[in-house]
Amino acid sequence: MLKYTDYVAHYKKDAEYFDYFSKDKLIMHQDRRRYQEYFHLIRPDKDAKVLEIGSGGGETLQIFKKLKFRYYPLDISYKNLNRMKDLTESQIDPVSADVFHLPFMDNIFDFVIMSEVLEHLDNTSDALREIKRVLNKNGILLISVPYKEKLSYQLCIHCNKPTPTFAHLQSFDEKKLIQCVK
């Protein structure tokens, strides 16, 4: 399995090149439908604290024009977080960090959303351990991943070395995902 030597620098550089807010209409529709389903399932109340790891293009803000819960978008890219702040009138608490070093106290979140992020991580157990630390006792973790994706590689435009397509380091099926979250 490929491992990045400095994944934070790599993803920050990717965020400078790729505009997460300017997607084609089909991808926007797919993302919006996925997020509508998430919030149909979890329904945070006004006192809830929701952490979204890898908030990217701000899909949560597109579903909720006016947030009724406390929302913490977490992303490595300052650029994405600043765009999210500019696109909403709601009070949000953006945080630039990665999933391996969450800058929060223990047991404070009611919901953690990690949509299409786990496949980018080479060490899922450390990431999930850190999420468990910040999720309260009765909290809910919502994860989505591509299903049985065939991993492929191409040359990176930044470093000219083999890199996984879409930066996906892992592929998941039901069995592998269940093993990860146990």
Foldseek 3Di string as FASTA:
>chain_A
DDDDPDVLVVVQVVCVVDQLQDDDPVVLVVLLVVLVVVCVVPVDALAFEEEEAQCRNPSVCVNPQEDSHAYEYEEQYPVNVVVNVVNHPYDYHYDHDHLLDDPDAFADGQEYEYEANQQLDPDLQSSLVSVNRRHHPNHYYHYDHDAQDDWDWDQDPPPRDIAIVVSGNDHDHPVVVVVSND
